[in-house]
PDB file of all heavy atoms in Angstrom:
ATOM      1  N   THR A   1      21.917   0.470  -7.139  1.00  0.00           N
ATOM      2  CA  THR A   1      22.040  -0.364  -5.858  1.00  0.00           C
ATOM      3  C   THR A   1      22.129   0.534  -4.648  1.00  0.00           C
ATOM      4  O   THR A   1      21.880   0.068  -3.566  1.00  0.00           O
ATOM      5  CB  THR A   1      23.228  -1.250  -5.996  1.00  0.00           C
ATOM      6  OG1 THR A   1      24.310  -0.533  -6.291  1.00  0.00           O
ATOM      7  CG2 THR A   1      22.950  -2.388  -7.042  1.00  0.00           C
ATOM      8  N   LEU A   2      22.583   1.787  -4.904  1.00  0.00           N
ATOM      9  CA  LEU A   2      22.751   2.598  -3.637  1.00  0.00           C
ATOM     10  C   LEU A   2      21.374   3.158  -3.174  1.00  0.00           C
ATOM     11  O   LEU A   2      21.078   3.205  -2.027  1.00  0.00           O
ATOM     12  CB  LEU A   2      23.666   3.820  -4.060  1.00  0.00           C
ATOM     13  CG  LEU A   2      25.144   3.634  -4.182  1.00  0.00           C
ATOM     14  CD1 LEU A   2      25.823   4.815  -4.751  1.00  0.00           C
ATOM     15  CD2 LEU A   2      25.749   3.263  -2.762  1.00  0.00           C
ATOM     16  N   ILE A   3      20.498   3.553  -4.212  1.00  0.00           N
ATOM     17  CA  ILE A   3      19.182   4.144  -3.759  1.00  0.00           C
ATOM     18  C   ILE A   3      18.270   2.998  -3.265  1.00  0.00           C
ATOM     19  O   ILE A   3      18.343   1.914  -3.769  1.00  0.00           O
ATOM     20  CB  ILE A   3      18.571   4.933  -4.914  1.00  0.00           C
ATOM     21  CG1 ILE A   3      18.299   3.956  -6.121  1.00  0.00           C
ATOM     22  CG2 ILE A   3      19.530   6.096  -5.304  1.00  0.00           C
ATOM     23  CD1 ILE A   3      17.529   4.745  -7.384  1.00  0.00           C
ATOM     24  N   PRO A   4      17.460   3.402  -2.289  1.00  0.00           N
ATOM     25  CA  PRO A   4      16.376   2.345  -1.830  1.00  0.00           C
ATOM     26  C   PRO A   4      15.277   2.094  -2.699  1.00  0.00           C
ATOM     27  O   PRO A   4      14.197   2.444  -2.494  1.00  0.00           O
ATOM     28  CB  PRO A   4      15.888   3.088  -0.514  1.00  0.00           C
ATOM     29  CG  PRO A   4      16.045   4.554  -0.832  1.00  0.00           C
ATOM     30  CD  PRO A   4      17.234   4.734  -1.694  1.00  0.00           C
ATOM     31  N   THR A   5      15.623   1.364  -3.809  1.00  0.00           N
ATOM     32  CA  THR A   5      14.626   0.982  -4.786  1.00  0.00           C
ATOM     33  C   THR A   5      13.489   0.067  -4.319  1.00  0.00           C
ATOM     34  O   THR A   5      12.348   0.159  -4.776  1.00  0.00           O
ATOM     35  CB  THR A   5      15.356   0.359  -6.032  1.00  0.00           C
ATOM     36  OG1 THR A   5      16.152  -0.787  -5.570  1.00  0.00           O
ATOM     37  CG2 THR A   5      16.126   1.344  -6.775  1.00  0.00           C
ATOM     38  N   THR A   6      13.898  -0.766  -3.438  1.00  0.00           N
ATOM     39  CA  THR A   6      12.898  -1.803  -2.993  1.00  0.00           C
ATOM     40  C   THR A   6      11.610  -1.042  -2.340  1.00  0.00           C
ATOM     41  O   THR A   6      10.549  -1.246  -2.759  1.00  0.00           O
ATOM     42  CB  THR A   6      13.482  -2.790  -1.954  1.00  0.00           C
ATOM     43  OG1 THR A   6      14.672  -3.269  -2.452  1.00  0.00           O
ATOM     44  CG2 THR A   6      12.535  -3.842  -1.548  1.00  0.00           C
ATOM     45  N   ILE A   7      11.864  -0.165  -1.332  1.00  0.00           N
ATOM     46  CA  ILE A   7      10.722   0.541  -0.648  1.00  0.00           C
ATOM     47  C   ILE A   7      10.239   1.521  -1.681  1.00  0.00           C
ATOM     48  O   ILE A   7       8.990   1.645  -1.682  1.00  0.00           O
ATOM     49  CB  ILE A   7      11.104   1.192   0.661  1.00  0.00           C
ATOM     50  CG1 ILE A   7       9.950   1.657   1.415  1.00  0.00           C
ATOM     51  CG2 ILE A   7      12.139   2.188   0.400  1.00  0.00           C
ATOM     52  CD1 ILE A   7       8.889   0.708   1.737  1.00  0.00           C
ATOM     53  N   GLY A   8      11.036   2.056  -2.453  1.00  0.00           N
ATOM     54  CA  GLY A   8      10.442   3.001  -3.462  1.00  0.00           C
ATOM     55  C   GLY A   8       9.399   2.374  -4.480  1.00  0.00           C
ATOM     56  O   GLY A   8       8.374   2.940  -4.833  1.00  0.00           O
ATOM     57  N   ALA A   9       9.750   1.072  -4.709  1.00  0.00           N
ATOM     58  CA  ALA A   9       8.911   0.348  -5.664  1.00  0.00           C
ATOM     59  C   ALA A   9       7.622  -0.087  -4.993  1.00  0.00           C
ATOM     60  O   ALA A   9       6.567  -0.255  -5.684  1.00  0.00           O
ATOM     61  CB  ALA A   9       9.683  -0.901  -6.188  1.00  0.00           C
ATOM     62  N   LEU A  10       7.709  -0.389  -3.736  1.00  0.00           N
ATOM     63  CA  LEU A  10       6.511  -1.053  -3.119  1.00  0.00           C
ATOM     64  C   LEU A  10       5.678  -0.022  -2.214  1.00  0.00           C
ATOM     65  O   LEU A  10       4.598  -0.351  -1.762  1.00  0.00           O
ATOM     66  CB  LEU A  10       6.920  -2.149  -2.122  1.00  0.00           C
ATOM     67  CG  LEU A  10       7.661  -3.335  -2.840  1.00  0.00           C
ATOM     68  CD1 LEU A  10       8.289  -4.231  -1.812  1.00  0.00           C
ATOM     69  CD2 LEU A  10       6.660  -4.020  -3.753  1.00  0.00           C
ATOM     70  N   LEU A  11       6.210   1.197  -2.054  1.00  0.00           N
ATOM     71  CA  LEU A  11       5.424   2.123  -1.162  1.00  0.00           C
ATOM     72  C   LEU A  11       4.044   2.367  -1.586  1.00  0.00           C
ATOM     73  O   LEU A  11       3.193   2.397  -0.710  1.00  0.00           O
ATOM     74  CB  LEU A  11       6.341   3.487  -1.156  1.00  0.00           C
ATOM     75  CG  LEU A  11       5.735   4.533  -0.181  1.00  0.00           C
ATOM     76  CD1 LEU A  11       5.822   3.970   1.233  1.00  0.00           C
ATOM     77  CD2 LEU A  11       6.695   5.809  -0.235  1.00  0.00           C
ATOM     78  N   SER A  12       3.762   2.619  -2.849  1.00  0.00           N
ATOM     79  CA  SER A  12       2.415   2.826  -3.310  1.00  0.00           C
ATOM     80  C   SER A  12       1.582   1.723  -3.157  1.00  0.00           C
ATOM     81  O   SER A  12       0.389   1.836  -2.703  1.00  0.00           O
ATOM     82  CB  SER A  12       2.466   3.360  -4.771  1.00  0.00           C
ATOM     83  OG  SER A  12       1.235   3.690  -5.249  1.00  0.00           O
ATOM     84  N   ALA A  13       2.083   0.600  -3.414  1.00  0.00           N
ATOM     85  CA  ALA A  13       1.338  -0.660  -3.340  1.00  0.00           C
ATOM     86  C   ALA A  13       0.880  -0.966  -1.812  1.00  0.00           C
ATOM     87  O   ALA A  13      -0.182  -1.435  -1.567  1.00  0.00           O
ATOM     88  CB  ALA A  13       2.124  -1.928  -3.797  1.00  0.00           C
ATOM     89  N   ILE A  14       1.741  -0.654  -0.910  1.00  0.00           N
ATOM     90  CA  ILE A  14       1.496  -0.797   0.497  1.00  0.00           C
ATOM     91  C   ILE A  14       0.307   0.095   0.856  1.00  0.00           C
ATOM     92  O   ILE A  14      -0.623  -0.321   1.581  1.00  0.00           O
ATOM     93  CB  ILE A  14       2.715  -0.435   1.406  1.00  0.00           C
ATOM     94  CG1 ILE A  14       3.850  -1.491   1.056  1.00  0.00           C
ATOM     95  CG2 ILE A  14       2.312  -0.432   2.841  1.00  0.00           C
ATOM     96  CD1 ILE A  14       5.147  -0.995   1.679  1.00  0.00           C
ATOM     97  N   GLY A  15       0.337   1.308   0.459  1.00  0.00           N
ATOM     98  CA  GLY A  15      -0.790   2.220   0.712  1.00  0.00           C
ATOM     99  C   GLY A  15      -2.190   1.756   0.166  1.00  0.00           C
ATOM    100  O   GLY A  15      -3.139   1.805   0.787  1.00  0.00           O
ATOM    101  N   ILE A  16      -2.061   1.454  -1.090  1.00  0.00           N
ATOM    102  CA  ILE A  16      -3.314   0.942  -1.785  1.00  0.00           C
ATOM    103  C   ILE A  16      -3.823  -0.306  -1.129  1.00  0.00           C
ATOM    104  O   ILE A  16      -5.033  -0.385  -0.893  1.00  0.00           O
ATOM    105  CB  ILE A  16      -3.030   0.636  -3.236  1.00  0.00           C
ATOM    106  CG1 ILE A  16      -2.732   1.994  -3.998  1.00  0.00           C
ATOM    107  CG2 ILE A  16      -4.290   0.160  -3.914  1.00  0.00           C
ATOM    108  CD1 ILE A  16      -2.204   1.817  -5.347  1.00  0.00           C
ATOM    109  N   ALA A  17      -2.971  -1.157  -0.731  1.00  0.00           N
ATOM    110  CA  ALA A  17      -3.319  -2.466  -0.181  1.00  0.00           C
ATOM    111  C   ALA A  17      -3.957  -2.290   1.259  1.00  0.00           C
ATOM    112  O   ALA A  17      -4.848  -3.011   1.616  1.00  0.00           O
ATOM    113  CB  ALA A  17      -2.047  -3.482  -0.013  1.00  0.00           C
ATOM    114  N   GLY A  18      -3.498  -1.237   1.950  1.00  0.00           N
ATOM    115  CA  GLY A  18      -4.078  -0.953   3.273  1.00  0.00           C
ATOM    116  C   GLY A  18      -5.488  -0.611   3.225  1.00  0.00           C
ATOM    117  O   GLY A  18      -6.298  -1.097   3.904  1.00  0.00           O
ATOM    118  N   MET A  19      -5.812   0.306   2.253  1.00  0.00           N
ATOM    119  CA  MET A  19      -7.240   0.686   2.104  1.00  0.00           C
ATOM    120  C   MET A  19      -7.993  -0.582   1.522  1.00  0.00           C
ATOM    121  O   MET A  19      -9.175  -0.693   1.894  1.00  0.00           O
ATOM    122  CB  MET A  19      -7.380   1.846   1.040  1.00  0.00           C
ATOM    123  CG  MET A  19      -6.843   3.125   1.616  1.00  0.00           C
ATOM    124  SD  MET A  19      -7.195   4.571   0.519  1.00  0.00           S
ATOM    125  CE  MET A  19      -9.020   4.752   0.733  1.00  0.00           C
ATOM    126  N   ASP A  20      -7.398  -1.320   0.641  1.00  0.00           N
ATOM    127  CA  ASP A  20      -8.097  -2.550   0.098  1.00  0.00           C
ATOM    128  C   ASP A  20      -8.376  -3.503   1.185  1.00  0.00           C
ATOM    129  O   ASP A  20      -9.548  -4.135   1.194  1.00  0.00           O
ATOM    130  CB  ASP A  20      -7.186  -3.150  -0.887  1.00  0.00           C
ATOM    131  CG  ASP A  20      -7.846  -4.415  -1.673  1.00  0.00           C
ATOM    132  OD1 ASP A  20      -8.800  -4.176  -2.259  1.00  0.00           O
ATOM    133  OD2 ASP A  20      -7.428  -5.574  -1.418  1.00  0.00           O
ATOM    134  N   ARG A  21      -7.528  -3.657   2.210  1.00  0.00           N
ATOM    135  CA  ARG A  21      -7.810  -4.624   3.287  1.00  0.00           C
ATOM    136  C   ARG A  21      -9.017  -4.146   4.069  1.00  0.00           C
ATOM    137  O   ARG A  21      -9.841  -4.939   4.500  1.00  0.00           O
ATOM    138  CB  ARG A  21      -6.647  -4.752   4.235  1.00  0.00           C
ATOM    139  CG  ARG A  21      -5.602  -5.741   3.781  1.00  0.00           C
ATOM    140  CD  ARG A  21      -4.641  -5.992   4.884  1.00  0.00           C
ATOM    141  NE  ARG A  21      -3.712  -4.908   5.209  1.00  0.00           N
ATOM    142  CZ  ARG A  21      -2.607  -4.608   4.556  1.00  0.00           C
ATOM    143  NH1 ARG A  21      -2.273  -5.267   3.490  1.00  0.00           N
ATOM    144  NH2 ARG A  21      -1.910  -3.521   4.947  1.00  0.00           N
ATOM    145  N   LEU A  22      -9.188  -2.788   4.187  1.00  0.00           N
ATOM    146  CA  LEU A  22     -10.450  -2.282   4.981  1.00  0.00           C
ATOM    147  C   LEU A  22     -11.619  -2.637   4.047  1.00  0.00           C
ATOM    148  O   LEU A  22     -12.705  -2.969   4.662  1.00  0.00           O
ATOM    149  CB  LEU A  22     -10.257  -0.819   5.142  1.00  0.00           C
ATOM    150  CG  LEU A  22      -9.591  -0.320   6.481  1.00  0.00           C
ATOM    151  CD1 LEU A  22      -9.574   1.169   6.556  1.00  0.00           C
ATOM    152  CD2 LEU A  22     -10.407  -0.891   7.621  1.00  0.00           C
ATOM    153  N   VAL A  23     -11.543  -2.368   2.789  1.00  0.00           N
ATOM    154  CA  VAL A  23     -12.689  -2.557   1.925  1.00  0.00           C
ATOM    155  C   VAL A  23     -13.059  -4.051   2.038  1.00  0.00           C
ATOM    156  O   VAL A  23     -14.305  -4.388   2.065  1.00  0.00           O
ATOM    157  CB  VAL A  23     -12.457  -2.220   0.429  1.00  0.00           C
ATOM    158  CG1 VAL A  23     -13.508  -2.605  -0.413  1.00  0.00           C
ATOM    159  CG2 VAL A  23     -12.215  -0.662   0.330  1.00  0.00           C
ATOM    160  N   ARG A  24     -12.139  -4.956   1.952  1.00  0.00           N
ATOM    161  CA  ARG A  24     -12.479  -6.321   1.991  1.00  0.00           C
ATOM    162  C   ARG A  24     -12.959  -6.756   3.462  1.00  0.00           C
ATOM    163  O   ARG A  24     -13.642  -7.839   3.612  1.00  0.00           O
ATOM    164  CB  ARG A  24     -11.177  -7.219   1.802  1.00  0.00           C
ATOM    165  CG  ARG A  24     -10.832  -7.154   0.352  1.00  0.00           C
ATOM    166  CD  ARG A  24      -9.442  -7.745  -0.013  1.00  0.00           C
ATOM    167  NE  ARG A  24      -9.198  -7.445  -1.337  1.00  0.00           N
ATOM    168  CZ  ARG A  24      -9.696  -8.088  -2.532  1.00  0.00           C
ATOM    169  NH1 ARG A  24     -10.486  -9.128  -2.343  1.00  0.00           N
ATOM    170  NH2 ARG A  24      -9.314  -7.796  -3.707  1.00  0.00           N
ATOM    171  N   PHE A  25     -12.768  -5.832   4.416  1.00  0.00           N
ATOM    172  CA  PHE A  25     -13.276  -6.117   5.678  1.00  0.00           C
ATOM    173  C   PHE A  25     -14.688  -5.358   5.840  1.00  0.00           C
ATOM    174  O   PHE A  25     -15.117  -5.223   6.893  1.00  0.00           O
ATOM    175  CB  PHE A  25     -12.444  -5.534   6.731  1.00  0.00           C
ATOM    176  CG  PHE A  25     -12.601  -6.138   8.158  1.00  0.00           C
ATOM    177  CD1 PHE A  25     -12.345  -7.476   8.390  1.00  0.00           C
ATOM    178  CD2 PHE A  25     -12.919  -5.314   9.231  1.00  0.00           C
ATOM    179  CE1 PHE A  25     -12.595  -7.934   9.638  1.00  0.00           C
ATOM    180  CE2 PHE A  25     -13.164  -5.719  10.452  1.00  0.00           C
ATOM    181  CZ  PHE A  25     -13.036  -7.140  10.682  1.00  0.00           C
ATOM    182  N   ASN A  26     -15.235  -4.951   4.697  1.00  0.00           N
ATOM    183  CA  ASN A  26     -16.474  -4.109   4.562  1.00  0.00           C
ATOM    184  C   ASN A  26     -16.382  -2.796   5.393  1.00  0.00           C
ATOM    185  O   ASN A  26     -17.436  -2.430   5.971  1.00  0.00           O
ATOM    186  CB  ASN A  26     -17.627  -4.995   5.061  1.00  0.00           C
ATOM    187  CG  ASN A  26     -18.306  -5.687   3.929  1.00  0.00           C
ATOM    188  OD1 ASN A  26     -17.958  -5.741   2.808  1.00  0.00           O
ATOM    189  ND2 ASN A  26     -19.395  -6.455   4.181  1.00  0.00           N
ATOM    190  N   VAL A  27     -15.308  -2.185   5.391  1.00  0.00           N
ATOM    191  CA  VAL A  27     -15.154  -0.845   5.893  1.00  0.00           C
ATOM    192  C   VAL A  27     -14.643   0.041   4.778  1.00  0.00           C
ATOM    193  O   VAL A  27     -13.637  -0.268   4.176  1.00  0.00           O
ATOM    194  CB  VAL A  27     -14.237  -0.782   7.096  1.00  0.00           C
ATOM    195  CG1 VAL A  27     -14.033   0.702   7.575  1.00  0.00           C
ATOM    196  CG2 VAL A  27     -14.756  -1.684   8.236  1.00  0.00           C
ATOM    197  N   LEU A  28     -15.305   1.129   4.547  1.00  0.00           N
ATOM    198  CA  LEU A  28     -14.997   2.114   3.459  1.00  0.00           C
ATOM    199  C   LEU A  28     -14.232   3.296   3.958  1.00  0.00           C
ATOM    200  O   LEU A  28     -14.861   4.043   4.787  1.00  0.00           O
ATOM    201  CB  LEU A  28     -16.150   2.481   2.691  1.00  0.00           C
ATOM    202  CG  LEU A  28     -15.913   3.297   1.398  1.00  0.00           C
ATOM    203  CD1 LEU A  28     -15.226   2.464   0.418  1.00  0.00           C
ATOM    204  CD2 LEU A  28     -17.261   3.778   0.766  1.00  0.00           C
ATOM    205  N   ALA A  29     -12.950   3.424   3.653  1.00  0.00           N
ATOM    206  CA  ALA A  29     -12.208   4.591   4.261  1.00  0.00           C
ATOM    207  C   ALA A  29     -12.312   5.702   3.205  1.00  0.00           C
ATOM    208  O   ALA A  29     -11.982   5.607   2.027  1.00  0.00           O
ATOM    209  CB  ALA A  29     -10.740   4.197   4.489  1.00  0.00           C
ATOM    210  N   MET A  30     -12.648   6.866   3.709  1.00  0.00           N
ATOM    211  CA  MET A  30     -12.758   8.040   2.813  1.00  0.00           C
ATOM    212  C   MET A  30     -11.442   8.534   2.392  1.00  0.00           C
ATOM    213  O   MET A  30     -11.277   9.371   1.455  1.00  0.00           O
ATOM    214  CB  MET A  30     -13.555   9.083   3.545  1.00  0.00           C
ATOM    215  CG  MET A  30     -15.031   8.785   3.805  1.00  0.00           C
ATOM    216  SD  MET A  30     -15.990   8.407   2.348  1.00  0.00           S
ATOM    217  CE  MET A  30     -16.385   6.724   2.500  1.00  0.00           C
TER     218      MET A  30
END
């Protein structure tokens, strides 16, 4: 409960989802 598990658990998903939003917008990020 002391360590920031929430952002630690979601950090990778946020990054992947950011690139995915671009792909769904028909933009491919290298």
